[in-house]
PDB file of N, CA and C in Angstrom:
ATOM      1  N   MET A   1     -94.557  20.876-268.587  1.00  0.00           N
ATOM      2  CA  MET A   1     -94.927  20.181-267.363  1.00  0.00           C
ATOM      3  C   MET A   1     -95.579  18.849-267.724  1.00  0.00           C
ATOM      4  N   GLU A   2     -95.104  17.817-267.088  1.00  0.00           N
ATOM      5  CA  GLU A   2     -95.618  16.468-267.347  1.00  0.00           C
ATOM      6  C   GLU A   2     -96.890  16.246-266.539  1.00  0.00           C
ATOM      7  N   THR A   3     -97.926  15.774-267.200  1.00  0.00           N
ATOM      8  CA  THR A   3     -99.154  15.461-266.487  1.00  0.00           C
ATOM      9  C   THR A   3     -99.334  13.955-266.446  1.00  0.00           C
ATOM     10  N   THR A   4     -99.722  13.488-265.290  1.00  0.00           N
ATOM     11  CA  THR A   4     -99.952  12.069-265.080  1.00  0.00           C
ATOM     12  C   THR A   4    -101.448  11.822-265.071  1.00  0.00           C
ATOM     13  N   PRO A   5    -101.908  10.806-265.789  1.00  0.00           N
ATOM     14  CA  PRO A   5    -103.341  10.500-265.736  1.00  0.00           C
ATOM     15  C   PRO A   5    -103.782  10.295-264.283  1.00  0.00           C
ATOM     16  N   ALA A   6    -104.974  10.736-263.952  1.00  0.00           N
ATOM     17  CA  ALA A   6    -105.482  10.677-262.581  1.00  0.00           C
ATOM     18  C   ALA A   6    -105.373   9.281-261.973  1.00  0.00           C
ATOM     19  N   LEU A   7    -105.548   8.272-262.788  1.00  0.00           N
ATOM     20  CA  LEU A   7    -105.490   6.895-262.308  1.00  0.00           C
ATOM     21  C   LEU A   7    -104.143   6.567-261.662  1.00  0.00           C
ATOM     22  N   PHE A   8    -103.070   7.192-262.135  1.00  0.00           N
ATOM     23  CA  PHE A   8    -101.727   6.861-261.668  1.00  0.00           C
ATOM     24  C   PHE A   8    -101.127   7.909-260.732  1.00  0.00           C
ATOM     25  N   GLN A   9    -101.873   8.900-260.328  1.00  0.00           N
ATOM     26  CA  GLN A   9    -101.337   9.946-259.468  1.00  0.00           C
ATOM     27  C   GLN A   9    -101.069   9.470-258.046  1.00  0.00           C
ATOM     28  N   ASN A  10    -101.562   8.305-257.688  1.00  0.00           N
ATOM     29  CA  ASN A  10    -101.301   7.768-256.353  1.00  0.00           C
ATOM     30  C   ASN A  10    -100.158   6.753-256.359  1.00  0.00           C
ATOM     31  N   ILE A  11     -99.407   6.716-257.456  1.00  0.00           N
ATOM     32  CA  ILE A  11     -98.255   5.823-257.562  1.00  0.00           C
ATOM     33  C   ILE A  11     -97.018   6.684-257.757  1.00  0.00           C
ATOM     34  N   ALA A  12     -95.996   6.442-256.943  1.00  0.00           N
ATOM     35  CA  ALA A  12     -94.762   7.213-257.045  1.00  0.00           C
ATOM     36  C   ALA A  12     -94.137   7.031-258.425  1.00  0.00           C
ATOM     37  N   ARG A  13     -93.599   8.116-258.950  1.00  0.00           N
ATOM     38  CA  ARG A  13     -92.981   8.072-260.284  1.00  0.00           C
ATOM     39  C   ARG A  13     -91.632   7.367-260.277  1.00  0.00           C
ATOM     40  N   LYS A  14     -90.898   7.496-259.153  1.00  0.00           N
ATOM     41  CA  LYS A  14     -89.573   6.881-259.048  1.00  0.00           C
ATOM     42  C   LYS A  14     -89.415   6.245-257.678  1.00  0.00           C
ATOM     43  N   ASP A  15     -88.470   5.351-257.577  1.00  0.00           N
ATOM     44  CA  ASP A  15     -88.121   4.739-256.296  1.00  0.00           C
ATOM     45  C   ASP A  15     -86.955   5.524-255.708  1.00  0.00           C
ATOM     46  N   ASN A  16     -87.221   6.753-255.294  1.00  0.00           N
ATOM     47  CA  ASN A  16     -86.176   7.637-254.776  1.00  0.00           C
ATOM     48  C   ASN A  16     -85.522   7.115-253.506  1.00  0.00           C
ATOM     49  N   LEU A  17     -86.212   6.294-252.763  1.00  0.00           N
ATOM     50  CA  LEU A  17     -85.694   5.807-251.488  1.00  0.00           C
ATOM     51  C   LEU A  17     -84.993   4.453-251.607  1.00  0.00           C
ATOM     52  N   GLY A  18     -84.960   3.904-252.796  1.00  0.00           N
ATOM     53  CA  GLY A  18     -84.239   2.655-253.034  1.00  0.00           C
ATOM     54  C   GLY A  18     -84.825   1.445-252.343  1.00  0.00           C
ATOM     55  N   PHE A  19     -86.134   1.387-252.284  1.00  0.00           N
ATOM     56  CA  PHE A  19     -86.797   0.253-251.640  1.00  0.00           C
ATOM     57  C   PHE A  19     -86.871  -0.977-252.541  1.00  0.00           C
ATOM     58  N   TRP A  20     -86.820  -0.774-253.824  1.00  0.00           N
ATOM     59  CA  TRP A  20     -86.994  -1.881-254.765  1.00  0.00           C
ATOM     60  C   TRP A  20     -85.644  -2.378-255.250  1.00  0.00           C
ATOM     61  N   ALA A  21     -85.439  -3.680-255.163  1.00  0.00           N
ATOM     62  CA  ALA A  21     -84.241  -4.335-255.695  1.00  0.00           C
ATOM     63  C   ALA A  21     -84.698  -5.094-256.938  1.00  0.00           C
ATOM     64  N   GLY A  22     -84.698  -4.408-258.078  1.00  0.00           N
ATOM     65  CA  GLY A  22     -85.247  -5.006-259.286  1.00  0.00           C
ATOM     66  C   GLY A  22     -86.752  -5.093-259.143  1.00  0.00           C
ATOM     67  N   PRO A  23     -87.330  -6.244-259.468  1.00  0.00           N
ATOM     68  CA  PRO A  23     -88.792  -6.375-259.375  1.00  0.00           C
ATOM     69  C   PRO A  23     -89.280  -6.654-257.954  1.00  0.00           C
ATOM     70  N   GLN A  24     -88.374  -6.877-257.018  1.00  0.00           N
ATOM     71  CA  GLN A  24     -88.716  -7.289-255.653  1.00  0.00           C
ATOM     72  C   GLN A  24     -88.511  -6.147-254.656  1.00  0.00           C
ATOM     73  N   LEU A  25     -89.471  -5.928-253.792  1.00  0.00           N
ATOM     74  CA  LEU A  25     -89.350  -4.934-252.743  1.00  0.00           C
ATOM     75  C   LEU A  25     -88.419  -5.469-251.660  1.00  0.00           C
ATOM     76  N   ASP A  26     -87.531  -4.614-251.159  1.00  0.00           N
ATOM     77  CA  ASP A  26     -86.674  -4.956-250.023  1.00  0.00           C
ATOM     78  C   ASP A  26     -87.474  -4.608-248.765  1.00  0.00           C
ATOM     79  N   TYR A  27     -88.256  -5.564-248.300  1.00  0.00           N
ATOM     80  CA  TYR A  27     -89.165  -5.347-247.181  1.00  0.00           C
ATOM     81  C   TYR A  27     -88.428  -4.874-245.940  1.00  0.00           C
ATOM     82  N   ARG A  28     -87.297  -5.461-245.681  1.00  0.00           N
ATOM     83  CA  ARG A  28     -86.504  -5.096-244.505  1.00  0.00           C
ATOM     84  C   ARG A  28     -86.082  -3.624-244.581  1.00  0.00           C
ATOM     85  N   ARG A  29     -85.745  -3.139-245.774  1.00  0.00           N
ATOM     86  CA  ARG A  29     -85.327  -1.734-245.919  1.00  0.00           C
ATOM     87  C   ARG A  29     -86.482  -0.790-245.575  1.00  0.00           C
ATOM     88  N   VAL A  30     -87.690  -1.127-245.977  1.00  0.00           N
ATOM     89  CA  VAL A  30     -88.856  -0.300-245.654  1.00  0.00           C
ATOM     90  C   VAL A  30     -89.060  -0.269-244.145  1.00  0.00           C
ATOM     91  N   VAL A  31     -89.002  -1.421-243.516  1.00  0.00           N
ATOM     92  CA  VAL A  31     -89.187  -1.535-242.066  1.00  0.00           C
ATOM     93  C   VAL A  31     -88.101  -0.747-241.334  1.00  0.00           C
ATOM     94  N   ASP A  32     -86.855  -0.883-241.761  1.00  0.00           N
ATOM     95  CA  ASP A  32     -85.748  -0.174-241.124  1.00  0.00           C
ATOM     96  C   ASP A  32     -85.855   1.338-241.330  1.00  0.00           C
ATOM     97  N   PHE A  33     -86.247   1.761-242.533  1.00  0.00           N
ATOM     98  CA  PHE A  33     -86.369   3.180-242.840  1.00  0.00           C
ATOM     99  C   PHE A  33     -87.358   3.860-241.895  1.00  0.00           C
ATOM    100  N   LEU A  34     -88.461   3.195-241.620  1.00  0.00           N
ATOM    101  CA  LEU A  34     -89.504   3.762-240.760  1.00  0.00           C
ATOM    102  C   LEU A  34     -89.328   3.376-239.291  1.00  0.00           C
ATOM    103  N   GLU A  35     -88.282   2.608-239.012  1.00  0.00           N
ATOM    104  CA  GLU A  35     -87.990   2.152-237.647  1.00  0.00           C
ATOM    105  C   GLU A  35     -89.181   1.406-237.045  1.00  0.00           C
ATOM    106  N   PHE A  36     -89.813   0.574-237.875  1.00  0.00           N
ATOM    107  CA  PHE A  36     -90.928  -0.250-237.423  1.00  0.00           C
ATOM    108  C   PHE A  36     -90.401  -1.421-236.607  1.00  0.00           C
ATOM    109  N   THR A  37     -91.143  -1.796-235.591  1.00  0.00           N
ATOM    110  CA  THR A  37     -90.855  -3.012-234.844  1.00  0.00           C
ATOM    111  C   THR A  37     -91.688  -4.143-235.445  1.00  0.00           C
ATOM    112  N   THR A  38     -91.434  -5.343-234.999  1.00  0.00           N
ATOM    113  CA  THR A  38     -92.248  -6.483-235.430  1.00  0.00           C
ATOM    114  C   THR A  38     -93.705  -6.257-235.043  1.00  0.00           C
ATOM    115  N   ASN A  39     -93.930  -5.666-233.873  1.00  0.00           N
ATOM    116  CA  ASN A  39     -95.306  -5.365-233.446  1.00  0.00           C
ATOM    117  C   ASN A  39     -95.968  -4.362-234.386  1.00  0.00           C
ATOM    118  N   ASP A  40     -95.211  -3.350-234.833  1.00  0.00           N
ATOM    119  CA  ASP A  40     -95.757  -2.359-235.769  1.00  0.00           C
ATOM    120  C   ASP A  40     -96.192  -3.034-237.068  1.00  0.00           C
ATOM    121  N   VAL A  41     -95.342  -3.891-237.598  1.00  0.00           N
ATOM    122  CA  VAL A  41     -95.653  -4.583-238.857  1.00  0.00           C
ATOM    123  C   VAL A  41     -96.850  -5.503-238.662  1.00  0.00           C
ATOM    124  N   SER A  42     -96.899  -6.158-237.520  1.00  0.00           N
ATOM    125  CA  SER A  42     -98.023  -7.042-237.201  1.00  0.00           C
ATOM    126  C   SER A  42     -99.335  -6.270-237.209  1.00  0.00           C
ATOM    127  N   ARG A  43     -99.365  -5.115-236.564  1.00  0.00           N
ATOM    128  CA  ARG A  43    -100.581  -4.289-236.522  1.00  0.00           C
ATOM    129  C   ARG A  43    -100.920  -3.742-237.902  1.00  0.00           C
ATOM    130  N   LEU A  44     -99.898  -3.297-238.635  1.00  0.00           N
ATOM    131  CA  LEU A  44    -100.103  -2.743-239.974  1.00  0.00           C
ATOM    132  C   LEU A  44    -100.767  -3.763-240.903  1.00  0.00           C
ATOM    133  N   ALA A  45    -100.303  -5.011-240.815  1.00  0.00           N
ATOM    134  CA  ALA A  45    -100.782  -6.058-241.721  1.00  0.00           C
ATOM    135  C   ALA A  45    -101.958  -6.850-241.165  1.00  0.00           C
ATOM    136  N   GLY A  46    -102.218  -6.705-239.888  1.00  0.00           N
ATOM    137  CA  GLY A  46    -103.314  -7.459-239.292  1.00  0.00           C
ATOM    138  C   GLY A  46    -103.015  -8.942-239.178  1.00  0.00           C
ATOM    139  N   VAL A  47    -101.751  -9.263-238.891  1.00  0.00           N
ATOM    140  CA  VAL A  47    -101.351 -10.666-238.712  1.00  0.00           C
ATOM    141  C   VAL A  47    -100.719 -10.823-237.332  1.00  0.00           C
ATOM    142  N   ALA A  48    -100.611 -12.053-236.906  1.00  0.00           N
ATOM    143  CA  ALA A  48     -99.971 -12.329-235.627  1.00  0.00           C
ATOM    144  C   ALA A  48     -98.500 -11.920-235.681  1.00  0.00           C
ATOM    145  N   ARG A  49     -97.998 -11.440-234.557  1.00  0.00           N
ATOM    146  CA  ARG A  49     -96.599 -11.026-234.469  1.00  0.00           C
ATOM    147  C   ARG A  49     -95.659 -12.155-234.893  1.00  0.00           C
ATOM    148  N   THR A  50     -96.021 -13.371-234.567  1.00  0.00           N
ATOM    149  CA  THR A  50     -95.185 -14.533-234.898  1.00  0.00           C
ATOM    150  C   THR A  50     -95.198 -14.859-236.387  1.00  0.00           C
ATOM    151  N   SER A  51     -96.137 -14.271-237.128  1.00  0.00           N
ATOM    152  CA  SER A  51     -96.229 -14.515-238.575  1.00  0.00           C
ATOM    153  C   SER A  51     -95.373 -13.553-239.391  1.00  0.00           C
ATOM    154  N   VAL A  52     -94.869 -12.496-238.754  1.00  0.00           N
ATOM    155  CA  VAL A  52     -94.101 -11.483-239.484  1.00  0.00           C
ATOM    156  C   VAL A  52     -92.745 -12.059-239.864  1.00  0.00           C
ATOM    157  N   ARG A  53     -92.493 -12.073-241.174  1.00  0.00           N
ATOM    158  CA  ARG A  53     -91.208 -12.529-241.715  1.00  0.00           C
ATOM    159  C   ARG A  53     -91.003 -11.856-243.061  1.00  0.00           C
ATOM    160  N   PHE A  54     -89.745 -11.827-243.520  1.00  0.00           N
ATOM    161  CA  PHE A  54     -89.412 -11.085-244.734  1.00  0.00           C
ATOM    162  C   PHE A  54     -88.700 -11.941-245.780  1.00  0.00           C
ATOM    163  N   ASP A  55     -88.847 -13.246-245.677  1.00  0.00           N
ATOM    164  CA  ASP A  55     -88.216 -14.137-246.643  1.00  0.00           C
ATOM    165  C   ASP A  55     -89.218 -14.541-247.719  1.00  0.00           C
ATOM    166  N   GLU A  56     -88.945 -15.613-248.427  1.00  0.00           N
ATOM    167  CA  GLU A  56     -89.826 -16.038-249.519  1.00  0.00           C
ATOM    168  C   GLU A  56     -91.200 -16.499-249.027  1.00  0.00           C
ATOM    169  N   LYS A  57     -91.356 -16.728-247.729  1.00  0.00           N
ATOM    170  CA  LYS A  57     -92.639 -17.150-247.170  1.00  0.00           C
ATOM    171  C   LYS A  57     -93.356 -15.994-246.462  1.00  0.00           C
ATOM    172  N   ILE A  58     -93.045 -14.772-246.869  1.00  0.00           N
ATOM    173  CA  ILE A  58     -93.681 -13.597-246.276  1.00  0.00           C
ATOM    174  C   ILE A  58     -95.194 -13.687-246.470  1.00  0.00           C
ATOM    175  N   PRO A  59     -95.965 -13.462-245.418  1.00  0.00           N
ATOM    176  CA  PRO A  59     -97.424 -13.505-245.572  1.00  0.00           C
ATOM    177  C   PRO A  59     -97.900 -12.441-246.568  1.00  0.00           C
ATOM    178  N   LEU A  60     -98.893 -12.779-247.339  1.00  0.00           N
ATOM    179  CA  LEU A  60     -99.424 -11.871-248.357  1.00  0.00           C
ATOM    180  C   LEU A  60     -99.826 -10.530-247.751  1.00  0.00           C
ATOM    181  N   GLU A  61    -100.431 -10.549-246.578  1.00  0.00           N
ATOM    182  CA  GLU A  61    -100.873  -9.314-245.932  1.00  0.00           C
ATOM    183  C   GLU A  61     -99.687  -8.401-245.621  1.00  0.00           C
ATOM    184  N   VAL A  62     -98.598  -8.979-245.128  1.00  0.00           N
ATOM    185  CA  VAL A  62     -97.389  -8.203-244.815  1.00  0.00           C
ATOM    186  C   VAL A  62     -96.794  -7.650-246.104  1.00  0.00           C
ATOM    187  N   LYS A  63     -96.706  -8.497-247.101  1.00  0.00           N
ATOM    188  CA  LYS A  63     -96.156  -8.091-248.401  1.00  0.00           C
ATOM    189  C   LYS A  63     -96.931  -6.909-248.980  1.00  0.00           C
ATOM    190  N   GLU A  64     -98.250  -7.026-249.046  1.00  0.00           N
ATOM    191  CA  GLU A  64     -99.077  -5.960-249.618  1.00  0.00           C
ATOM    192  C   GLU A  64     -98.956  -4.660-248.830  1.00  0.00           C
ATOM    193  N   ARG A  65     -99.047  -4.733-247.495  1.00  0.00           N
ATOM    194  CA  ARG A  65     -99.005  -3.511-246.687  1.00  0.00           C
ATOM    195  C   ARG A  65     -97.643  -2.826-246.789  1.00  0.00           C
ATOM    196  N   LEU A  66     -96.571  -3.591-246.861  1.00  0.00           N
ATOM    197  CA  LEU A  66     -95.255  -2.969-246.993  1.00  0.00           C
ATOM    198  C   LEU A  66     -95.049  -2.388-248.390  1.00  0.00           C
ATOM    199  N   GLU A  67     -95.642  -3.003-249.413  1.00  0.00           N
ATOM    200  CA  GLU A  67     -95.580  -2.422-250.757  1.00  0.00           C
ATOM    201  C   GLU A  67     -96.336  -1.102-250.781  1.00  0.00           C
ATOM    202  N   TRP A  68     -97.514  -1.058-250.161  1.00  0.00           N
ATOM    203  CA  TRP A  68     -98.285   0.190-250.089  1.00  0.00           C
ATOM    204  C   TRP A  68     -97.494   1.248-249.318  1.00  0.00           C
ATOM    205  N   THR A  69     -96.896   0.834-248.207  1.00  0.00           N
ATOM    206  CA  THR A  69     -96.134   1.756-247.366  1.00  0.00           C
ATOM    207  C   THR A  69     -94.933   2.310-248.123  1.00  0.00           C
ATOM    208  N   ALA A  70     -94.240   1.455-248.879  1.00  0.00           N
ATOM    209  CA  ALA A  70     -93.094   1.913-249.676  1.00  0.00           C
ATOM    210  C   ALA A  70     -93.540   2.931-250.707  1.00  0.00           C
ATOM    211  N   ASN A  71     -94.677   2.704-251.341  1.00  0.00           N
ATOM    212  CA  ASN A  71     -95.197   3.652-252.327  1.00  0.00           C
ATOM    213  C   ASN A  71     -95.539   4.980-251.666  1.00  0.00           C
ATOM    214  N   ILE A  72     -96.200   4.923-250.519  1.00  0.00           N
ATOM    215  CA  ILE A  72     -96.555   6.151-249.801  1.00  0.00           C
ATOM    216  C   ILE A  72     -95.301   6.922-249.417  1.00  0.00           C
ATOM    217  N   CYS A  73     -94.292   6.230-248.927  1.00  0.00           N
ATOM    218  CA  CYS A  73     -93.035   6.900-248.560  1.00  0.00           C
ATOM    219  C   CYS A  73     -92.416   7.588-249.773  1.00  0.00           C
ATOM    220  N   ASN A  74     -92.420   6.934-250.921  1.00  0.00           N
ATOM    221  CA  ASN A  74     -91.868   7.552-252.130  1.00  0.00           C
ATOM    222  C   ASN A  74     -92.702   8.753-252.576  1.00  0.00           C
ATOM    223  N   LEU A  75     -94.007   8.693-252.411  1.00  0.00           N
ATOM    224  CA  LEU A  75     -94.854   9.850-252.728  1.00  0.00           C
ATOM    225  C   LEU A  75     -94.545  11.023-251.799  1.00  0.00           C
ATOM    226  N   VAL A  76     -94.384  10.745-250.518  1.00  0.00           N
ATOM    227  CA  VAL A  76     -94.041  11.795-249.560  1.00  0.00           C
ATOM    228  C   VAL A  76     -92.669  12.381-249.895  1.00  0.00           C
ATOM    229  N   PHE A  77     -91.732  11.515-250.269  1.00  0.00           N
ATOM    230  CA  PHE A  77     -90.397  11.998-250.653  1.00  0.00           C
ATOM    231  C   PHE A  77     -90.478  12.915-251.870  1.00  0.00           C
ATOM    232  N   GLU A  78     -91.328  12.576-252.842  1.00  0.00           N
ATOM    233  CA  GLU A  78     -91.485  13.437-254.018  1.00  0.00           C
ATOM    234  C   GLU A  78     -91.918  14.844-253.619  1.00  0.00           C
ATOM    235  N   PHE A  79     -92.695  14.957-252.558  1.00  0.00           N
ATOM    236  CA  PHE A  79     -93.164  16.258-252.095  1.00  0.00           C
ATOM    237  C   PHE A  79     -92.074  17.003-251.330  1.00  0.00           C
ATOM    238  N   PHE A  80     -91.443  16.338-250.344  1.00  0.00           N
ATOM    239  CA  PHE A  80     -90.474  17.000-249.484  1.00  0.00           C
ATOM    240  C   PHE A  80     -89.047  16.997-250.032  1.00  0.00           C
ATOM    241  N   ASP A  81     -88.710  15.974-250.832  1.00  0.00           N
ATOM    242  CA  ASP A  81     -87.339  15.807-251.330  1.00  0.00           C
ATOM    243  C   ASP A  81     -86.338  15.748-250.181  1.00  0.00           C
ATOM    244  N   ASP A  82     -86.722  15.036-249.118  1.00  0.00           N
ATOM    245  CA  ASP A  82     -85.894  14.943-247.914  1.00  0.00           C
ATOM    246  C   ASP A  82     -86.224  13.636-247.197  1.00  0.00           C
ATOM    247  N   GLU A  83     -85.203  12.784-246.997  1.00  0.00           N
ATOM    248  CA  GLU A  83     -85.456  11.482-246.370  1.00  0.00           C
ATOM    249  C   GLU A  83     -85.894  11.609-244.915  1.00  0.00           C
ATOM    250  N   VAL A  84     -85.309  12.547-244.174  1.00  0.00           N
ATOM    251  CA  VAL A  84     -85.647  12.696-242.764  1.00  0.00           C
ATOM    252  C   VAL A  84     -87.109  13.102-242.609  1.00  0.00           C
ATOM    253  N   LYS A  85     -87.533  14.104-243.369  1.00  0.00           N
ATOM    254  CA  LYS A  85     -88.932  14.534-243.306  1.00  0.00           C
ATOM    255  C   LYS A  85     -89.865  13.416-243.757  1.00  0.00           C
ATOM    256  N   THR A  86     -89.443  12.666-244.736  1.00  0.00           N
ATOM    257  CA  THR A  86     -90.261  11.556-245.223  1.00  0.00           C
ATOM    258  C   THR A  86     -90.444  10.504-244.145  1.00  0.00           C
ATOM    259  N   ALA A  87     -89.379  10.157-243.450  1.00  0.00           N
ATOM    260  CA  ALA A  87     -89.462   9.139-242.407  1.00  0.00           C
ATOM    261  C   ALA A  87     -90.346   9.607-241.248  1.00  0.00           C
ATOM    262  N   LEU A  88     -90.283  10.898-240.961  1.00  0.00           N
ATOM    263  CA  LEU A  88     -91.136  11.427-239.878  1.00  0.00           C
ATOM    264  C   LEU A  88     -92.599  11.290-240.249  1.00  0.00           C
TER     265      LEU A  88
END
């Protein structure tokens, strides 16, 4: 049995949901997977709805919150091994 140091137990071991395209997170894929609206992303990141974007000028707050959300989704997937349950 593989043991992970406690420091890294809150980081998913694999990108089972395919959110990462190389070193870059596919922000749109995370949003679509969870069926988030622009308002949802705005509230999640604490930015104005008009500031939500997913291109190279993505606000840092949106970027960070979606990276955290992608990690959480992958952790949940590791437990359930089911995309539908993970999205719920």
